[in-house]
């Protein structure tokens, strides 16, 4: 495992200090990069990885890449933030081979790491906190190019500080997650990022330059599930999260998850959970 970790690359994108209010309310955020938040004042909520996190001062929070997220602040929140891309080997994600905590208590070293990274990149802060503004490929490419202009000292120092912060979240227990060294693993991230679209096995196979039969066979060999079944499972899991963490209508949830219609959402949801989406939503606090 350590041999694989030697290929870990962390690419800094954005960093700064933000003062947020109730306008910090964003749903259906699925970013190709990871986020680190160190809260200093106020409270808010983040939903990701099918968990709800109550943000509180003197804690650091990790939001993994390619994960459905929702951010919500009811009043006031201040935090340091860092966005970065993580790569492991041939486009493998470290989140697929190691287990992580997503909430840790900050210490003085963590504060210093955040401050030092931001001081190294004083002009890399976000001018708009709306993910729709900064969460796009063109913006990311332009941001990554700025790393080529860094001095060797700044580049190496940034890498070291990012690794120290990121390492704080890695679980020491043996991971039971997939360990797949193949570009094919990128298909999982592609599916999660395009779940709201019409995803067919034929389209996925074409995207990865494979025949539909070969794609299906390799997918099942690597992940133990047929691609169509995997897509359906992720769509239902995403709908569960939206039901518990948003006030979206069933029609909106059907659209966001790629399930199309309320009737189809309800039918597939009940097939998996044994209850209707409405009954499931009533299980949430205050539901």
Protein backbone atom coordinates (compact mmCIF):
# COMPACT_ATOMS: atom_id res chain seq x y z
CA UNK A 1 0.00 0.00 0.00
CA UNK A 2 2.80 2.46 0.88
CA UNK A 3 4.26 1.95 -2.60
CA UNK A 4 0.99 3.17 -4.08
CA UNK A 5 0.92 6.15 -1.70
CA UNK A 6 4.33 7.24 -2.99
CA UNK A 7 2.56 8.38 -6.16
CA UNK A 8 0.18 10.68 -4.25
CA UNK A 9 0.08 14.15 -5.80
CA UNK A 10 -1.75 17.09 -4.24
CA UNK A 11 -2.36 20.14 -6.44
CA UNK A 12 -3.28 23.40 -4.72
CA UNK A 13 -6.12 25.36 -6.34
CA UNK A 14 -7.65 28.00 -4.05
CA UNK A 15 -7.21 29.22 -0.51
CA UNK A 16 -8.34 32.10 1.65
CA UNK A 17 -10.46 33.29 4.53
CA UNK A 18 -14.21 33.72 4.06
CA UNK A 19 -17.00 35.42 6.00
CA UNK A 20 -20.29 33.80 5.02
CA UNK A 21 -23.97 34.26 5.79
CA UNK A 22 -27.30 32.68 4.88
CA UNK A 23 -26.51 33.15 1.18
CA UNK A 24 -24.03 30.28 1.57
CA UNK A 25 -26.69 27.74 0.64
CA UNK A 26 -25.71 25.45 -2.23
CA UNK A 27 -27.15 22.10 -3.23
CA UNK A 28 -26.06 19.37 -5.62
CA UNK A 29 -22.36 20.34 -5.51
CA UNK A 30 -20.17 17.64 -7.06
CA UNK A 31 -16.64 18.96 -7.48
CA UNK A 32 -13.59 17.35 -9.13
CA UNK A 33 -11.48 18.61 -6.23
CA UNK A 34 -11.39 18.22 -2.44
CA UNK A 35 -12.13 20.90 0.16
CA UNK A 36 -10.64 21.64 3.58
CA UNK A 37 -12.49 24.01 5.93
CA UNK A 38 -11.07 25.28 9.23
CA UNK A 39 -13.90 27.03 11.06
CA UNK A 40 -13.10 30.00 13.31
CA UNK A 41 -16.54 31.52 14.04
CA UNK A 42 -20.21 30.65 13.63
CA UNK A 43 -21.97 27.47 12.61
CA UNK A 44 -23.25 25.78 9.46
CA UNK A 45 -24.03 22.36 8.04
CA UNK A 46 -22.40 20.26 5.36
CA UNK A 47 -23.88 17.10 3.91
CA UNK A 48 -21.68 14.63 2.06
CA UNK A 49 -20.81 10.93 2.00
CA UNK A 50 -24.35 10.31 3.32
CA UNK A 51 -23.54 12.07 6.60
CA UNK A 52 -24.50 15.40 8.14
CA UNK A 53 -21.73 17.49 9.69
CA UNK A 54 -22.39 20.39 12.05
CA UNK A 55 -19.58 22.86 11.48
CA UNK A 56 -18.17 24.36 14.66
CA UNK A 57 -15.17 26.54 15.53
CA UNK A 58 -11.71 25.00 15.94
CA UNK A 59 -12.57 22.00 13.77
CA UNK A 60 -11.34 21.06 10.32
CA UNK A 61 -13.60 19.39 7.77
CA UNK A 62 -12.67 17.41 4.67
CA UNK A 63 -15.06 17.19 1.71
CA UNK A 64 -13.86 14.57 -0.81
CA UNK A 65 -13.82 15.10 -4.55
CA UNK A 66 -16.60 13.75 -6.78
CA UNK A 67 -19.01 13.48 -3.86
CA UNK A 68 -22.52 14.90 -3.70
CA UNK A 69 -22.41 17.78 -1.21
CA UNK A 70 -24.74 20.37 0.23
CA UNK A 71 -23.66 23.51 2.12
CA UNK A 72 -26.00 25.50 4.34
CA UNK A 73 -25.41 28.43 6.71
CA UNK A 74 -28.41 29.87 8.56
CA UNK A 75 -26.68 32.88 10.07
CA UNK A 76 -22.92 33.54 10.14
CA UNK A 77 -19.79 31.51 9.43
CA UNK A 78 -16.08 32.35 9.18
CA UNK A 79 -13.48 29.89 8.01
CA UNK A 80 -10.19 29.25 6.28
CA UNK A 81 -10.61 27.19 3.12
CA UNK A 82 -8.31 25.26 0.82
CA UNK A 83 -9.27 23.49 -2.40
CA UNK A 84 -6.95 20.93 -3.95
CA UNK A 85 -6.85 18.06 -6.43
CA UNK A 86 -5.61 14.67 -5.26
CA UNK A 87 -4.24 12.07 -7.65
CA UNK A 88 -2.87 8.63 -6.93
CA UNK A 89 -1.01 6.74 -9.61
CA UNK A 90 -2.85 6.45 -12.90
CA UNK A 91 -5.85 8.62 -12.04
CA UNK A 92 -6.78 6.47 -9.08
CA UNK A 93 -8.38 8.27 -6.15
CA UNK A 94 -7.00 7.84 -2.65
CA UNK A 95 -10.59 7.89 -1.36
CA UNK A 96 -11.07 4.54 -3.09
CA UNK A 97 -8.16 2.83 -1.34
CA UNK A 98 -8.07 4.40 2.15
CA UNK A 99 -10.68 5.28 4.77
CA UNK A 100 -10.96 8.85 6.02
CA UNK A 101 -12.36 10.84 8.87
CA UNK A 102 -14.09 14.02 7.74
CA UNK A 103 -14.15 16.02 10.99
CA UNK A 104 -11.15 16.54 13.29
CA UNK A 105 -10.38 18.95 16.10
CA UNK A 106 -7.84 21.56 15.03
CA UNK A 107 -4.61 22.27 16.88
CA UNK A 108 -2.08 25.11 16.62
CA UNK A 109 -0.14 23.32 13.89
CA UNK A 110 -3.26 23.04 11.72
CA UNK A 111 -3.91 26.77 12.03
CA UNK A 112 -0.31 27.49 11.05
CA UNK A 113 -0.48 25.14 8.05
CA UNK A 114 -3.58 26.91 6.72
CA UNK A 115 -2.12 30.37 7.29
CA UNK A 116 1.22 29.47 5.69
CA UNK A 117 -0.39 28.04 2.55
CA UNK A 118 -2.60 31.11 2.15
CA UNK A 119 0.39 33.41 2.69
CA UNK A 120 2.27 31.53 -0.03
CA UNK A 121 -0.65 32.18 -2.43
CA UNK A 122 -2.13 35.57 -1.46
CA UNK A 123 -3.97 36.02 -4.78
CA UNK A 124 -5.53 32.57 -5.01
CA UNK A 125 -8.65 33.35 -2.99
CA UNK A 126 -12.15 33.06 -4.48
CA UNK A 127 -13.97 36.27 -5.32
CA UNK A 128 -17.31 34.42 -5.39
CA UNK A 129 -18.34 31.56 -3.10
CA UNK A 130 -20.86 30.11 -5.58
CA UNK A 131 -19.56 26.71 -6.79
CA UNK A 132 -21.20 27.29 -10.17
CA UNK A 133 -18.75 30.17 -10.69
CA UNK A 134 -15.48 28.46 -9.81
CA UNK A 135 -16.32 24.76 -10.18
CA UNK A 136 -15.72 24.30 -13.90
CA UNK A 137 -12.95 22.80 -15.99
CA UNK A 138 -11.80 26.06 -17.62
CA UNK A 139 -11.43 27.78 -14.27
CA UNK A 140 -9.55 24.79 -12.84
CA UNK A 141 -7.12 24.62 -15.75
CA UNK A 142 -6.35 28.32 -15.44
CA UNK A 143 -5.84 27.93 -11.71
CA UNK A 144 -3.55 24.91 -12.08
CA UNK A 145 -1.38 26.84 -14.55
CA UNK A 146 -0.55 29.31 -11.81
CA UNK A 147 1.35 26.55 -10.03
CA UNK A 148 3.83 26.48 -12.94
CA UNK A 149 4.77 30.06 -12.08
CA UNK A 150 5.68 29.27 -8.48
CA UNK A 151 9.27 29.23 -7.30
CA UNK A 152 10.68 25.81 -6.45
CA UNK A 153 10.69 26.71 -2.77
CA UNK A 154 7.02 27.78 -2.76
CA UNK A 155 5.93 24.74 -4.74
CA UNK A 156 7.69 22.24 -2.45
CA UNK A 157 6.57 24.05 0.69
CA UNK A 158 2.94 24.04 -0.50
CA UNK A 159 3.13 20.30 -1.21
CA UNK A 160 4.52 19.61 2.24
CA UNK A 161 1.91 21.69 4.05
CA UNK A 162 -0.95 20.14 2.06
CA UNK A 163 0.28 16.64 2.84
CA UNK A 164 0.52 17.43 6.55
CA UNK A 165 -3.06 18.69 6.57
CA UNK A 166 -4.42 15.85 4.43
CA UNK A 167 -2.62 13.18 6.47
CA UNK A 168 -4.56 14.25 9.56
CA UNK A 169 -7.72 12.74 8.10
CA UNK A 170 -6.38 9.35 7.00
CA UNK A 171 -7.58 6.41 9.06
CA UNK A 172 -4.83 4.12 10.29
CA UNK A 173 -7.04 1.06 10.22
CA UNK A 174 -6.68 -1.34 7.31
CA UNK A 175 -8.92 -0.27 4.45
CA UNK A 176 -11.47 -2.59 2.97
CA UNK A 177 -11.93 -0.36 -0.05
CA UNK A 178 -11.11 -1.19 -3.63
CA UNK A 179 -7.47 -1.18 -4.68
CA UNK A 180 -7.61 -0.86 -8.44
CA UNK A 181 -4.66 0.54 -10.36
CA UNK A 182 -6.32 1.30 -13.64
CA UNK A 183 -7.62 4.28 -15.59
CA UNK A 184 -10.88 2.33 -15.78
CA UNK A 185 -11.58 3.33 -12.20
CA UNK A 186 -12.20 6.86 -13.48
CA UNK A 187 -15.60 5.67 -14.66
CA UNK A 188 -16.93 5.81 -11.08
CA UNK A 189 -16.11 9.50 -10.81
CA UNK A 190 -17.60 10.11 -14.25
CA UNK A 191 -20.87 8.44 -13.23
CA UNK A 192 -21.10 10.43 -9.98
CA UNK A 193 -20.43 13.68 -11.80
CA UNK A 194 -23.00 13.05 -14.55
CA UNK A 195 -25.70 11.28 -12.57
CA UNK A 196 -28.35 13.83 -13.58
CA UNK A 197 -27.78 13.02 -17.26
CA UNK A 198 -29.05 10.08 -19.29
CA UNK A 199 -26.31 7.53 -18.61
CA UNK A 200 -26.42 4.38 -20.70
CA UNK A 201 -23.89 1.56 -20.73
CA UNK A 202 -23.35 2.20 -24.44
CA UNK A 203 -22.56 5.88 -23.82
CA UNK A 204 -20.14 5.06 -20.99
CA UNK A 205 -18.41 2.43 -23.10
CA UNK A 206 -18.03 4.89 -25.97
CA UNK A 207 -16.61 7.53 -23.62
CA UNK A 208 -13.93 5.05 -22.52
CA UNK A 209 -13.33 3.78 -26.06
CA UNK A 210 -14.64 0.28 -25.36
CA UNK A 211 -17.40 -1.86 -26.79
CA UNK A 212 -20.51 -2.11 -24.62
CA UNK A 213 -19.98 -5.83 -23.99
CA UNK A 214 -16.32 -5.41 -23.04
CA UNK A 215 -17.10 -2.41 -20.84
CA UNK A 216 -19.82 -4.31 -18.96
CA UNK A 217 -17.62 -7.36 -18.50
CA UNK A 218 -14.62 -5.39 -17.17
CA UNK A 219 -16.82 -3.25 -14.93
CA UNK A 220 -18.39 -6.30 -13.29
CA UNK A 221 -15.00 -7.99 -12.90
CA UNK A 222 -13.52 -4.97 -11.16
CA UNK A 223 -16.47 -3.82 -9.05
CA UNK A 224 -18.60 -6.93 -8.62
CA UNK A 225 -21.76 -5.30 -10.00
CA UNK A 226 -23.22 -4.64 -13.44
CA UNK A 227 -22.79 -0.99 -14.56
CA UNK A 228 -26.53 -0.46 -15.02
CA UNK A 229 -27.18 -1.78 -11.50
CA UNK A 230 -24.42 0.44 -10.08
CA UNK A 231 -25.89 3.55 -11.73
CA UNK A 232 -29.33 2.72 -10.41
CA UNK A 233 -27.98 2.13 -6.89
CA UNK A 234 -26.09 5.45 -6.84
CA UNK A 235 -29.18 7.28 -8.10
CA UNK A 236 -31.32 5.90 -5.29
CA UNK A 237 -28.63 6.67 -2.71
CA UNK A 238 -28.41 10.24 -4.04
CA UNK A 239 -32.20 10.57 -3.81
CA UNK A 240 -32.05 9.39 -0.17
CA UNK A 241 -29.56 12.14 0.62
CA UNK A 242 -31.65 14.79 -1.13
CA UNK A 243 -34.78 13.66 0.70
CA UNK A 244 -33.08 13.96 4.08
CA UNK A 245 -31.07 17.13 3.49
CA UNK A 246 -33.16 19.33 1.19
CA UNK A 247 -36.72 20.50 0.65
CA UNK A 248 -36.57 19.63 -3.05
CA UNK A 249 -39.79 18.33 -4.51
CA UNK A 250 -39.92 14.76 -5.75
CA UNK A 251 -39.92 16.10 -9.30
CA UNK A 252 -36.73 18.07 -8.62
CA UNK A 253 -35.08 15.06 -7.01
CA UNK A 254 -36.07 12.83 -9.92
CA UNK A 255 -34.43 15.32 -12.29
CA UNK A 256 -31.26 15.77 -10.23
CA UNK A 257 -30.71 12.03 -9.90
CA UNK A 258 -31.45 11.15 -13.50
CA UNK A 259 -34.48 9.06 -12.54
CA UNK A 260 -36.67 11.16 -14.82
CA UNK A 261 -40.18 11.03 -13.42
CA UNK A 262 -41.72 10.99 -9.95
CA UNK A 263 -43.48 7.70 -10.65
CA UNK A 264 -40.23 5.99 -11.67
CA UNK A 265 -38.39 7.48 -8.68
CA UNK A 266 -41.13 6.25 -6.33
CA UNK A 267 -41.22 2.79 -7.85
CA UNK A 268 -37.45 2.23 -7.76
CA UNK A 269 -37.14 3.83 -4.32
CA UNK A 270 -39.79 1.55 -2.82
CA UNK A 271 -38.22 -1.47 -4.50
CA UNK A 272 -34.94 -0.77 -2.66
CA UNK A 273 -36.20 0.61 0.66
CA UNK A 274 -39.65 -0.91 1.05
CA UNK A 275 -41.22 2.52 1.65
CA UNK A 276 -42.14 5.50 -0.50
CA UNK A 277 -39.87 8.58 -0.79
CA UNK A 278 -42.43 10.60 1.18
CA UNK A 279 -42.41 8.13 4.07
CA UNK A 280 -38.62 8.07 3.98
CA UNK A 281 -38.46 11.88 4.19
CA UNK A 282 -40.62 11.88 7.33
CA UNK A 283 -37.81 10.01 9.10
CA UNK A 284 -35.59 13.10 9.13
CA UNK A 285 -35.64 15.40 12.19
CA UNK A 286 -38.62 17.72 11.91
CA UNK A 287 -39.90 15.76 8.92
